[in-house]
């Protein structure tokens, strides 16, 4: 997890460096792992200040693409810029938040101690740190579990604690890998409402999912399959282009179209 930006959590500050029109820009992005091509010359633009859904089945390359954006992926070739900087640049460490699929928190610490630790990494001190930690815990509905050790929590609660640690530094770009897996429908809805508020406050979110019904909650969609981008569009344009009524049917229509064209 990379959690940095010394600003109070979930409170937009106009002094934050203005993001370029494209928060993420990739051209010819490729990744080889174990002698296998994982990403194949990906071109994409992710607009700033929006929620972009990164959708596709398991093994489509979503996590590899997100790791490349954060700058922790090996064997990357091509062009990849994040908030106007090369991916992984030191200047991005306080501007990008990354929540991995597995909860990235310490099992022997309490929920609050974990979030306080990540707040300290983000440079927060004193009352600013306390306010940021309180806001992060509230945002993921863990206030009443703050004193519990991570080891005693359910899987869904651990995931939410990891999200709180990601949000506490108030990063400009938030990259979330399958953040709603294992959560009940009420909590999923609450988190998507939070993602929307963050975007409305000027943050950029990239949210991966293999649950196609989450597509309608995004401003833009990037659909991936076998390490390639099948479509980069809006939910409405995707349905109009494929003549379908839901994202899953649209995805299957794209696969059929690709097959017939080959």
Foldseek 3Di string as FASTA:
>chain_A
DQAAAQAAFLAFDPVPPAFPQFQKFFAQKWAADPNRTQAGGEGDTAGFLWEEEEEEDPSQNPVVVLCCQQPNGPRIDGFMAGSRHGHNDPVCRRAEFEQDPQQDFDQAAFLLVRLLVLSVVRVDDDPSSVSLLVVLCVLQVCPVRRRPGNNPDDRLVSLSSSSSSRRSSPHQEYEYEASCPPHDPVSVVSNLVSVNSSSVSGHYYYYYDHPQQCLQSTQWYFYGGSNYTLDTGHPVVLCVVQVHDTRVVSVVSSVVVVVVVD
